[in-house]
Amino acid sequence: MAAITSTLIATAAIASAGYGAYSSINAAEDQKDAQNRITSAQQRQEALRMQAMELDNRRKQMEALRTQQRARALALATATNQGAGQSTGLEGAYGQTQGMSGNNLLGLNQGLQLGQANFALNSSISAARMDMASAQSQAATGQAFTQFGGTLMANMGTISKIGQSFGSSSGGSSQVNPNWNMRTSQGAIY
């Protein structure tokens, strides 16, 4: 009777360890999926922020060009009012407005490039987070199997006794009775 009790306890422990491994694997997969969904949403947010940054940059570029046109028109009006519409002073004013506009556009383009580089880095970080979630899931799966294997090893003696019990009830061989029938329970241990 004690052998049957210890066999049942060992069987329950192994079944429990197996279920625990299965649950751990599923939980790790669920955690990975959730992390990937979060990271994917963050990537979409970053894409929207990048579009907003690019749109803002285009608006600022257009404003810089409009400012240049206004300054050019003001220079022409001023030169014409002073009777210097064909003078080098007007050409100098045009050059100055062109230079300021070019400088402003250069600053806007450099800011856009820095922003794009920053968004590219954020995208790389998001991809690394997804890879990390997958690696953590694989590690949890491996740990679950390791713990299950440890449970099997710790109960190896009892498992061996279970095998011997099956063997002794089937005529003394150490193999499971191939004629065992679950419906009639022939060869079952009582």
N, C-alpha and C. Protein backbone atom coordinates (compact mmCIF):
# COMPACT_ATOMS: atom_id res chain seq x y z
N MET A 1 0.82 -1.19 0.00
CA MET A 1 0.00 0.00 0.00
C MET A 1 0.86 1.26 0.00
N ALA A 2 1.98 1.24 0.75
CA ALA A 2 2.88 2.39 0.80
C ALA A 2 3.50 2.65 -0.57
N ALA A 3 3.80 1.58 -1.31
CA ALA A 3 4.39 1.73 -2.64
C ALA A 3 3.39 2.40 -3.58
N ILE A 4 2.13 2.02 -3.47
CA ILE A 4 1.10 2.60 -4.34
C ILE A 4 0.91 4.07 -3.98
N THR A 5 0.92 4.40 -2.69
CA THR A 5 0.77 5.79 -2.26
C THR A 5 1.91 6.65 -2.77
N SER A 6 3.16 6.16 -2.60
CA SER A 6 4.31 6.95 -3.07
C SER A 6 4.29 7.06 -4.59
N THR A 7 3.81 6.02 -5.25
CA THR A 7 3.69 6.07 -6.71
C THR A 7 2.67 7.11 -7.13
N LEU A 8 1.54 7.15 -6.43
CA LEU A 8 0.52 8.15 -6.74
C LEU A 8 1.01 9.57 -6.47
N ILE A 9 1.73 9.75 -5.38
CA ILE A 9 2.28 11.06 -5.05
C ILE A 9 3.29 11.49 -6.10
N ALA A 10 4.16 10.57 -6.50
CA ALA A 10 5.16 10.89 -7.53
C ALA A 10 4.48 11.21 -8.86
N THR A 11 3.45 10.46 -9.20
CA THR A 11 2.71 10.71 -10.43
C THR A 11 2.06 12.09 -10.39
N ALA A 12 1.47 12.42 -9.25
CA ALA A 12 0.85 13.74 -9.10
C ALA A 12 1.90 14.85 -9.18
N ALA A 13 3.07 14.63 -8.59
CA ALA A 13 4.14 15.63 -8.64
C ALA A 13 4.62 15.84 -10.07
N ILE A 14 4.77 14.75 -10.80
CA ILE A 14 5.22 14.85 -12.19
C ILE A 14 4.15 15.54 -13.03
N ALA A 15 2.90 15.18 -12.82
CA ALA A 15 1.81 15.82 -13.57
C ALA A 15 1.75 17.30 -13.23
N SER A 16 1.92 17.63 -11.97
CA SER A 16 1.91 19.03 -11.54
C SER A 16 3.07 19.79 -12.16
N ALA A 17 4.24 19.19 -12.18
CA ALA A 17 5.41 19.83 -12.79
C ALA A 17 5.20 20.01 -14.29
N GLY A 18 4.61 19.02 -14.92
CA GLY A 18 4.32 19.13 -16.36
C GLY A 18 3.34 20.26 -16.64
N TYR A 19 2.29 20.34 -15.82
CA TYR A 19 1.32 21.43 -15.99
C TYR A 19 1.97 22.78 -15.70
N GLY A 20 2.83 22.81 -14.69
CA GLY A 20 3.54 24.06 -14.37
C GLY A 20 4.43 24.49 -15.52
N ALA A 21 5.12 23.54 -16.14
CA ALA A 21 5.97 23.86 -17.30
C ALA A 21 5.11 24.38 -18.44
N TYR A 22 4.00 23.70 -18.69
CA TYR A 22 3.08 24.12 -19.76
C TYR A 22 2.54 25.52 -19.49
N SER A 23 2.14 25.78 -18.25
CA SER A 23 1.61 27.10 -17.89
C SER A 23 2.68 28.17 -18.02
N SER A 24 3.90 27.86 -17.59
CA SER A 24 5.00 28.82 -17.69
C SER A 24 5.29 29.17 -19.14
N ILE A 25 5.27 28.17 -19.99
CA ILE A 25 5.52 28.40 -21.41
C ILE A 25 4.43 29.29 -21.99
N ASN A 26 3.18 28.99 -21.68
CA ASN A 26 2.07 29.81 -22.19
C ASN A 26 2.14 31.24 -21.65
N ALA A 27 2.47 31.38 -20.38
CA ALA A 27 2.57 32.72 -19.79
C ALA A 27 3.70 33.51 -20.45
N ALA A 28 4.81 32.84 -20.70
CA ALA A 28 5.94 33.52 -21.35
C ALA A 28 5.55 33.97 -22.76
N GLU A 29 4.83 33.13 -23.48
CA GLU A 29 4.37 33.50 -24.82
C GLU A 29 3.39 34.66 -24.75
N ASP A 30 2.47 34.63 -23.79
CA ASP A 30 1.52 35.73 -23.63
C ASP A 30 2.24 37.03 -23.29
N GLN A 31 3.24 36.93 -22.43
CA GLN A 31 4.02 38.12 -22.06
C GLN A 31 4.76 38.67 -23.27
N LYS A 32 5.34 37.78 -24.07
CA LYS A 32 6.05 38.21 -25.28
C LYS A 32 5.08 38.89 -26.24
N ASP A 33 3.91 38.29 -26.44
CA ASP A 33 2.92 38.87 -27.34
C ASP A 33 2.47 40.25 -26.86
N ALA A 34 2.25 40.38 -25.56
CA ALA A 34 1.83 41.68 -25.01
C ALA A 34 2.93 42.72 -25.20
N GLN A 35 4.18 42.33 -24.93
CA GLN A 35 5.31 43.26 -25.10
C GLN A 35 5.44 43.67 -26.57
N ASN A 36 5.24 42.72 -27.47
CA ASN A 36 5.32 43.04 -28.89
C ASN A 36 4.19 43.97 -29.33
N ARG A 37 2.99 43.79 -28.77
CA ARG A 37 1.88 44.70 -29.09
C ARG A 37 2.17 46.10 -28.58
N ILE A 38 2.71 46.20 -27.37
CA ILE A 38 3.06 47.51 -26.81
C ILE A 38 4.12 48.18 -27.67
N THR A 39 5.16 47.43 -28.02
CA THR A 39 6.24 47.99 -28.83
C THR A 39 5.74 48.40 -30.21
N SER A 40 4.86 47.61 -30.77
CA SER A 40 4.29 47.94 -32.08
C SER A 40 3.48 49.23 -32.00
N ALA A 41 2.72 49.40 -30.94
CA ALA A 41 1.95 50.63 -30.76
C ALA A 41 2.89 51.82 -30.58
N GLN A 42 3.98 51.62 -29.85
CA GLN A 42 4.96 52.69 -29.68
C GLN A 42 5.61 53.06 -31.01
N GLN A 43 5.85 52.06 -31.86
CA GLN A 43 6.41 52.34 -33.18
C GLN A 43 5.43 53.16 -34.02
N ARG A 44 4.16 52.84 -33.94
CA ARG A 44 3.15 53.61 -34.68
C ARG A 44 3.09 55.05 -34.15
N GLN A 45 3.21 55.21 -32.82
CA GLN A 45 3.24 56.56 -32.25
C GLN A 45 4.45 57.33 -32.77
N GLU A 46 5.59 56.66 -32.80
CA GLU A 46 6.81 57.31 -33.30
C GLU A 46 6.64 57.72 -34.76
N ALA A 47 5.99 56.86 -35.56
CA ALA A 47 5.77 57.20 -36.97
C ALA A 47 4.88 58.44 -37.08
N LEU A 48 3.86 58.54 -36.23
CA LEU A 48 3.00 59.72 -36.24
C LEU A 48 3.77 60.97 -35.81
N ARG A 49 4.61 60.83 -34.78
CA ARG A 49 5.41 61.98 -34.34
C ARG A 49 6.37 62.42 -35.45
N MET A 50 6.92 61.44 -36.17
CA MET A 50 7.83 61.78 -37.26
C MET A 50 7.08 62.51 -38.38
N GLN A 51 5.87 62.03 -38.70
CA GLN A 51 5.07 62.73 -39.71
C GLN A 51 4.76 64.16 -39.27
N ALA A 52 4.43 64.32 -38.00
CA ALA A 52 4.14 65.66 -37.47
C ALA A 52 5.37 66.55 -37.56
N MET A 53 6.54 65.99 -37.23
CA MET A 53 7.78 66.76 -37.30
C MET A 53 8.07 67.17 -38.75
N GLU A 54 7.89 66.25 -39.69
CA GLU A 54 8.15 66.56 -41.10
C GLU A 54 7.15 67.59 -41.62
N LEU A 55 5.89 67.47 -41.22
CA LEU A 55 4.88 68.45 -41.63
C LEU A 55 5.22 69.83 -41.08
N ASP A 56 5.59 69.89 -39.81
CA ASP A 56 5.98 71.15 -39.19
C ASP A 56 7.19 71.74 -39.91
N ASN A 57 8.14 70.89 -40.27
CA ASN A 57 9.32 71.36 -40.99
C ASN A 57 8.94 71.95 -42.35
N ARG A 58 8.03 71.28 -43.07
CA ARG A 58 7.59 71.80 -44.38
C ARG A 58 6.90 73.16 -44.22
N ARG A 59 6.09 73.28 -43.19
CA ARG A 59 5.41 74.56 -42.95
C ARG A 59 6.43 75.66 -42.65
N LYS A 60 7.42 75.33 -41.84
CA LYS A 60 8.44 76.33 -41.52
C LYS A 60 9.26 76.69 -42.76
N GLN A 61 9.53 75.72 -43.63
CA GLN A 61 10.25 76.03 -44.87
C GLN A 61 9.43 76.96 -45.75
N MET A 62 8.13 76.69 -45.85
CA MET A 62 7.26 77.56 -46.65
C MET A 62 7.21 78.96 -46.06
N GLU A 63 7.15 79.04 -44.75
CA GLU A 63 7.14 80.35 -44.09
C GLU A 63 8.46 81.09 -44.35
N ALA A 64 9.57 80.36 -44.32
CA ALA A 64 10.87 80.98 -44.60
C ALA A 64 10.90 81.52 -46.03
N LEU A 65 10.34 80.78 -46.97
CA LEU A 65 10.29 81.26 -48.36
C LEU A 65 9.36 82.46 -48.49
N ARG A 66 8.24 82.44 -47.80
CA ARG A 66 7.32 83.59 -47.83
C ARG A 66 7.99 84.83 -47.23
N THR A 67 8.71 84.60 -46.14
CA THR A 67 9.42 85.72 -45.50
C THR A 67 10.45 86.29 -46.47
N GLN A 68 11.13 85.41 -47.18
CA GLN A 68 12.10 85.86 -48.17
C GLN A 68 11.41 86.69 -49.27
N GLN A 69 10.26 86.22 -49.75
CA GLN A 69 9.53 86.95 -50.79
C GLN A 69 9.07 88.32 -50.28
N ARG A 70 8.60 88.36 -49.03
CA ARG A 70 8.18 89.65 -48.47
C ARG A 70 9.36 90.61 -48.34
N ALA A 71 10.49 90.07 -47.87
CA ALA A 71 11.69 90.92 -47.73
C ALA A 71 12.17 91.41 -49.09
N ARG A 72 12.09 90.56 -50.08
CA ARG A 72 12.49 90.93 -51.44
C ARG A 72 11.55 92.02 -51.98
N ALA A 73 10.25 91.84 -51.77
CA ALA A 73 9.28 92.84 -52.23
C ALA A 73 9.47 94.16 -51.49
N LEU A 74 9.75 94.10 -50.19
CA LEU A 74 10.00 95.31 -49.41
C LEU A 74 11.24 96.03 -49.91
N ALA A 75 12.28 95.27 -50.21
CA ALA A 75 13.52 95.87 -50.73
C ALA A 75 13.26 96.55 -52.06
N LEU A 76 12.49 95.90 -52.94
CA LEU A 76 12.17 96.50 -54.24
C LEU A 76 11.33 97.76 -54.06
N ALA A 77 10.34 97.72 -53.19
CA ALA A 77 9.49 98.89 -52.96
C ALA A 77 10.29 100.04 -52.38
N THR A 78 11.16 99.74 -51.43
CA THR A 78 11.99 100.77 -50.82
C THR A 78 12.92 101.38 -51.85
N ALA A 79 13.57 100.52 -52.65
CA ALA A 79 14.51 101.03 -53.67
C ALA A 79 13.77 101.85 -54.72
N THR A 80 12.59 101.43 -55.10
CA THR A 80 11.81 102.15 -56.11
C THR A 80 11.37 103.50 -55.56
N ASN A 81 10.92 103.56 -54.31
CA ASN A 81 10.50 104.82 -53.70
C ASN A 81 11.65 105.81 -53.59
N GLN A 82 12.86 105.29 -53.44
CA GLN A 82 14.03 106.17 -53.31
C GLN A 82 14.66 106.47 -54.66
N GLY A 83 14.08 105.90 -55.72
CA GLY A 83 14.60 106.14 -57.05
C GLY A 83 15.84 105.32 -57.36
N ALA A 84 16.04 104.25 -56.64
CA ALA A 84 17.23 103.42 -56.84
C ALA A 84 16.84 102.02 -57.30
N GLY A 85 15.81 101.94 -58.15
CA GLY A 85 15.30 100.64 -58.61
C GLY A 85 16.29 99.85 -59.43
N GLN A 86 17.28 100.52 -60.02
CA GLN A 86 18.27 99.81 -60.84
C GLN A 86 19.65 99.85 -60.19
N SER A 87 19.72 100.16 -58.92
CA SER A 87 21.02 100.33 -58.27
C SER A 87 21.57 99.03 -57.73
N THR A 88 22.85 99.06 -57.36
CA THR A 88 23.49 97.90 -56.74
C THR A 88 22.99 97.71 -55.32
N GLY A 89 22.46 98.76 -54.72
CA GLY A 89 21.89 98.64 -53.38
C GLY A 89 20.73 97.65 -53.36
N LEU A 90 19.92 97.68 -54.42
CA LEU A 90 18.80 96.74 -54.52
C LEU A 90 19.33 95.31 -54.66
N GLU A 91 20.36 95.16 -55.49
CA GLU A 91 20.95 93.82 -55.65
C GLU A 91 21.55 93.33 -54.32
N GLY A 92 22.13 94.22 -53.55
CA GLY A 92 22.66 93.87 -52.23
C GLY A 92 21.57 93.42 -51.27
N ALA A 93 20.44 94.14 -51.33
CA ALA A 93 19.30 93.78 -50.47
C ALA A 93 18.76 92.42 -50.87
N TYR A 94 18.71 92.18 -52.20
CA TYR A 94 18.27 90.86 -52.66
C TYR A 94 19.22 89.76 -52.16
N GLY A 95 20.50 90.03 -52.25
CA GLY A 95 21.49 89.05 -51.79
C GLY A 95 21.37 88.77 -50.31
N GLN A 96 21.12 89.85 -49.55
CA GLN A 96 20.98 89.68 -48.10
C GLN A 96 19.75 88.84 -47.76
N THR A 97 18.62 89.10 -48.41
CA THR A 97 17.41 88.31 -48.13
C THR A 97 17.60 86.86 -48.57
N GLN A 98 18.29 86.67 -49.70
CA GLN A 98 18.55 85.31 -50.18
C GLN A 98 19.45 84.57 -49.18
N GLY A 99 20.45 85.24 -48.67
CA GLY A 99 21.37 84.62 -47.70
C GLY A 99 20.66 84.25 -46.41
N MET A 100 19.82 85.18 -45.91
CA MET A 100 19.07 84.87 -44.68
C MET A 100 18.12 83.70 -44.90
N SER A 101 17.46 83.70 -46.03
CA SER A 101 16.52 82.61 -46.33
C SER A 101 17.27 81.28 -46.45
N GLY A 102 18.41 81.29 -47.14
CA GLY A 102 19.21 80.07 -47.26
C GLY A 102 19.67 79.55 -45.91
N ASN A 103 20.09 80.49 -45.05
CA ASN A 103 20.54 80.12 -43.71
C ASN A 103 19.39 79.51 -42.91
N ASN A 104 18.21 80.13 -43.00
CA ASN A 104 17.04 79.60 -42.28
C ASN A 104 16.66 78.22 -42.80
N LEU A 105 16.66 78.04 -44.11
CA LEU A 105 16.31 76.74 -44.70
C LEU A 105 17.35 75.68 -44.31
N LEU A 106 18.61 76.06 -44.28
CA LEU A 106 19.66 75.12 -43.87
C LEU A 106 19.42 74.65 -42.44
N GLY A 107 19.10 75.60 -41.55
CA GLY A 107 18.82 75.23 -40.15
C GLY A 107 17.62 74.30 -40.05
N LEU A 108 16.58 74.57 -40.83
CA LEU A 108 15.40 73.70 -40.82
C LEU A 108 15.74 72.31 -41.33
N ASN A 109 16.52 72.24 -42.40
CA ASN A 109 16.89 70.92 -42.95
C ASN A 109 17.78 70.14 -42.00
N GLN A 110 18.69 70.83 -41.33
CA GLN A 110 19.54 70.14 -40.35
C GLN A 110 18.71 69.62 -39.18
N GLY A 111 17.77 70.43 -38.72
CA GLY A 111 16.87 69.97 -37.65
C GLY A 111 16.06 68.77 -38.07
N LEU A 112 15.59 68.78 -39.33
CA LEU A 112 14.84 67.64 -39.86
C LEU A 112 15.71 66.38 -39.90
N GLN A 113 16.96 66.52 -40.34
CA GLN A 113 17.87 65.37 -40.39
C GLN A 113 18.13 64.81 -39.00
N LEU A 114 18.33 65.69 -38.03
CA LEU A 114 18.55 65.23 -36.65
C LEU A 114 17.31 64.51 -36.13
N GLY A 115 16.14 65.06 -36.41
CA GLY A 115 14.89 64.42 -35.98
C GLY A 115 14.71 63.05 -36.62
N GLN A 116 15.01 62.95 -37.91
CA GLN A 116 14.90 61.66 -38.60
C GLN A 116 15.87 60.64 -38.03
N ALA A 117 17.10 61.09 -37.70
CA ALA A 117 18.07 60.18 -37.09
C ALA A 117 17.59 59.71 -35.73
N ASN A 118 16.99 60.61 -34.96
CA ASN A 118 16.45 60.25 -33.65
C ASN A 118 15.33 59.22 -33.77
N PHE A 119 14.43 59.43 -34.74
CA PHE A 119 13.34 58.48 -34.95
C PHE A 119 13.88 57.13 -35.42
N ALA A 120 14.93 57.13 -36.23
CA ALA A 120 15.53 55.86 -36.65
C ALA A 120 16.11 55.11 -35.46
N LEU A 121 16.74 55.84 -34.54
CA LEU A 121 17.26 55.20 -33.32
C LEU A 121 16.12 54.63 -32.47
N ASN A 122 15.05 55.39 -32.33
CA ASN A 122 13.90 54.89 -31.57
C ASN A 122 13.32 53.63 -32.20
N SER A 123 13.31 53.58 -33.52
CA SER A 123 12.83 52.38 -34.21
C SER A 123 13.73 51.19 -33.92
N SER A 124 15.04 51.42 -33.90
CA SER A 124 15.99 50.34 -33.57
C SER A 124 15.80 49.85 -32.15
N ILE A 125 15.54 50.78 -31.24
CA ILE A 125 15.30 50.41 -29.84
C ILE A 125 14.04 49.57 -29.73
N SER A 126 13.00 49.95 -30.46
CA SER A 126 11.75 49.18 -30.43
C SER A 126 11.96 47.77 -30.97
N ALA A 127 12.73 47.65 -32.05
CA ALA A 127 13.02 46.33 -32.61
C ALA A 127 13.81 45.49 -31.60
N ALA A 128 14.75 46.12 -30.91
CA ALA A 128 15.53 45.40 -29.89
C ALA A 128 14.64 44.95 -28.73
N ARG A 129 13.65 45.77 -28.37
CA ARG A 129 12.72 45.38 -27.31
C ARG A 129 11.92 44.14 -27.72
N MET A 130 11.51 44.09 -28.98
CA MET A 130 10.76 42.92 -29.46
C MET A 130 11.66 41.68 -29.44
N ASP A 131 12.92 41.85 -29.84
CA ASP A 131 13.87 40.73 -29.79
C ASP A 131 14.09 40.28 -28.36
N MET A 132 14.18 41.25 -27.44
CA MET A 132 14.38 40.91 -26.04
C MET A 132 13.17 40.15 -25.48
N ALA A 133 11.97 40.55 -25.87
CA ALA A 133 10.77 39.85 -25.41
C ALA A 133 10.77 38.41 -25.91
N SER A 134 11.20 38.20 -27.15
CA SER A 134 11.28 36.84 -27.69
C SER A 134 12.32 36.02 -26.94
N ALA A 135 13.46 36.65 -26.67
CA ALA A 135 14.52 35.93 -25.94
C ALA A 135 14.07 35.58 -24.52
N GLN A 136 13.37 36.50 -23.85
CA GLN A 136 12.87 36.21 -22.51
C GLN A 136 11.85 35.07 -22.54
N SER A 137 11.04 35.03 -23.59
CA SER A 137 10.07 33.95 -23.73
C SER A 137 10.78 32.62 -23.91
N GLN A 138 11.81 32.62 -24.73
CA GLN A 138 12.58 31.38 -24.94
C GLN A 138 13.28 30.96 -23.66
N ALA A 139 13.79 31.92 -22.91
CA ALA A 139 14.45 31.59 -21.64
C ALA A 139 13.46 30.99 -20.65
N ALA A 140 12.26 31.56 -20.60
CA ALA A 140 11.23 31.03 -19.69
C ALA A 140 10.83 29.62 -20.11
N THR A 141 10.74 29.39 -21.41
CA THR A 141 10.41 28.06 -21.92
C THR A 141 11.50 27.07 -21.52
N GLY A 142 12.75 27.48 -21.73
CA GLY A 142 13.86 26.61 -21.34
C GLY A 142 13.88 26.32 -19.86
N GLN A 143 13.61 27.34 -19.06
CA GLN A 143 13.59 27.15 -17.61
C GLN A 143 12.46 26.20 -17.20
N ALA A 144 11.31 26.33 -17.85
CA ALA A 144 10.19 25.44 -17.52
C ALA A 144 10.55 23.99 -17.83
N PHE A 145 11.17 23.76 -18.99
CA PHE A 145 11.58 22.40 -19.33
C PHE A 145 12.67 21.89 -18.40
N THR A 146 13.57 22.78 -17.99
CA THR A 146 14.63 22.38 -17.05
C THR A 146 14.03 21.96 -15.71
N GLN A 147 13.07 22.74 -15.22
CA GLN A 147 12.42 22.39 -13.96
C GLN A 147 11.66 21.08 -14.08
N PHE A 148 10.99 20.89 -15.22
CA PHE A 148 10.26 19.64 -15.43
C PHE A 148 11.24 18.47 -15.48
N GLY A 149 12.35 18.67 -16.18
CA GLY A 149 13.38 17.62 -16.22
C GLY A 149 13.94 17.32 -14.84
N GLY A 150 14.13 18.36 -14.03
CA GLY A 150 14.61 18.17 -12.66
C GLY A 150 13.61 17.37 -11.83
N THR A 151 12.32 17.64 -12.04
CA THR A 151 11.29 16.88 -11.34
C THR A 151 11.34 15.42 -11.74
N LEU A 152 11.51 15.18 -13.03
CA LEU A 152 11.60 13.79 -13.50
C LEU A 152 12.82 13.10 -12.89
N MET A 153 13.96 13.81 -12.87
CA MET A 153 15.18 13.22 -12.32
C MET A 153 15.02 12.95 -10.82
N ALA A 154 14.40 13.88 -10.11
CA ALA A 154 14.22 13.70 -8.67
C ALA A 154 13.31 12.52 -8.35
N ASN A 155 12.41 12.22 -9.26
CA ASN A 155 11.46 11.13 -9.04
C ASN A 155 11.80 9.91 -9.89
N MET A 156 13.03 9.82 -10.36
CA MET A 156 13.42 8.72 -11.22
C MET A 156 13.22 7.36 -10.55
N GLY A 157 13.53 7.26 -9.29
CA GLY A 157 13.36 5.98 -8.59
C GLY A 157 11.89 5.57 -8.55
N THR A 158 11.03 6.50 -8.24
CA THR A 158 9.60 6.20 -8.20
C THR A 158 9.08 5.88 -9.59
N ILE A 159 9.55 6.61 -10.58
CA ILE A 159 9.14 6.34 -11.96
C ILE A 159 9.57 4.94 -12.37
N SER A 160 10.76 4.57 -11.95
CA SER A 160 11.25 3.22 -12.23
C SER A 160 10.36 2.17 -11.56
N LYS A 161 9.92 2.46 -10.34
CA LYS A 161 9.03 1.53 -9.64
C LYS A 161 7.69 1.41 -10.36
N ILE A 162 7.23 2.54 -10.92
CA ILE A 162 5.97 2.50 -11.68
C ILE A 162 6.14 1.57 -12.87
N GLY A 163 7.25 1.71 -13.55
CA GLY A 163 7.52 0.83 -14.69
C GLY A 163 7.62 -0.62 -14.27
N GLN A 164 8.24 -0.86 -13.14
CA GLN A 164 8.34 -2.24 -12.65
C GLN A 164 6.96 -2.77 -12.26
N SER A 165 6.13 -1.92 -11.70
CA SER A 165 4.78 -2.34 -11.32
C SER A 165 4.00 -2.75 -12.55
N PHE A 166 4.10 -1.98 -13.61
CA PHE A 166 3.44 -2.35 -14.85
C PHE A 166 4.00 -3.67 -15.38
N GLY A 167 5.33 -3.80 -15.27
CA GLY A 167 5.97 -5.02 -15.77
C GLY A 167 5.58 -6.24 -14.97
N SER A 168 5.49 -6.11 -13.66
CA SER A 168 5.17 -7.28 -12.84
C SER A 168 3.71 -7.69 -12.99
N SER A 169 2.83 -6.76 -13.28
CA SER A 169 1.43 -7.13 -13.44
C SER A 169 1.17 -7.73 -14.81
N SER A 170 2.13 -7.65 -15.70
CA SER A 170 1.91 -8.19 -17.03
C SER A 170 2.73 -9.45 -17.25
N GLY A 171 2.95 -10.19 -16.23
CA GLY A 171 3.62 -11.47 -16.37
C GLY A 171 5.10 -11.41 -16.08
N GLY A 172 5.60 -10.40 -15.41
CA GLY A 172 6.98 -10.35 -14.98
C GLY A 172 7.92 -9.66 -15.94
N SER A 173 7.48 -9.27 -17.13
CA SER A 173 8.39 -8.56 -18.04
C SER A 173 8.50 -7.12 -17.60
N SER A 174 9.53 -6.45 -18.03
CA SER A 174 9.73 -5.07 -17.62
C SER A 174 9.13 -4.09 -18.62
N GLN A 175 8.31 -4.56 -19.54
CA GLN A 175 7.68 -3.69 -20.52
C GLN A 175 6.18 -3.63 -20.23
N VAL A 176 5.56 -2.59 -20.76
CA VAL A 176 4.11 -2.46 -20.60
C VAL A 176 3.45 -3.55 -21.42
N ASN A 177 2.39 -4.13 -20.90
CA ASN A 177 1.69 -5.22 -21.56
C ASN A 177 1.07 -4.72 -22.86
N PRO A 178 1.49 -5.27 -24.02
CA PRO A 178 0.93 -4.80 -25.28
C PRO A 178 -0.53 -5.23 -25.47
N ASN A 179 -1.01 -6.17 -24.68
CA ASN A 179 -2.38 -6.64 -24.80
C ASN A 179 -3.33 -5.89 -23.86
N TRP A 180 -2.82 -4.90 -23.18
CA TRP A 180 -3.63 -4.17 -22.22
C TRP A 180 -4.73 -3.44 -22.97
N ASN A 181 -5.94 -3.53 -22.47
CA ASN A 181 -7.09 -2.93 -23.11
C ASN A 181 -7.76 -2.00 -22.11
N MET A 182 -7.84 -0.73 -22.45
CA MET A 182 -8.39 0.24 -21.51
C MET A 182 -9.86 -0.02 -21.22
N ARG A 183 -10.62 -0.53 -22.18
CA ARG A 183 -12.07 -0.75 -21.96
C ARG A 183 -12.33 -1.88 -20.99
N THR A 184 -11.51 -2.92 -21.04
CA THR A 184 -11.75 -4.07 -20.16
C THR A 184 -10.81 -4.04 -18.96
N SER A 185 -9.85 -3.10 -18.95
CA SER A 185 -8.86 -2.95 -17.87
C SER A 185 -8.05 -4.22 -17.67
N GLN A 186 -7.83 -4.99 -18.74
CA GLN A 186 -6.99 -6.17 -18.60
C GLN A 186 -5.55 -5.70 -18.46
N GLY A 187 -4.85 -6.23 -17.51
CA GLY A 187 -3.47 -5.89 -17.28
C GLY A 187 -3.32 -4.66 -16.41
N ALA A 188 -4.41 -4.07 -15.93
CA ALA A 188 -4.33 -2.87 -15.11
C ALA A 188 -3.91 -3.24 -13.70
N ILE A 189 -3.33 -2.31 -13.01
CA ILE A 189 -2.90 -2.52 -11.61
C ILE A 189 -4.04 -2.11 -10.70
N TYR A 190 -4.40 -3.02 -9.75
CA TYR A 190 -5.45 -2.71 -8.79
C TYR A 190 -4.90 -2.66 -7.41
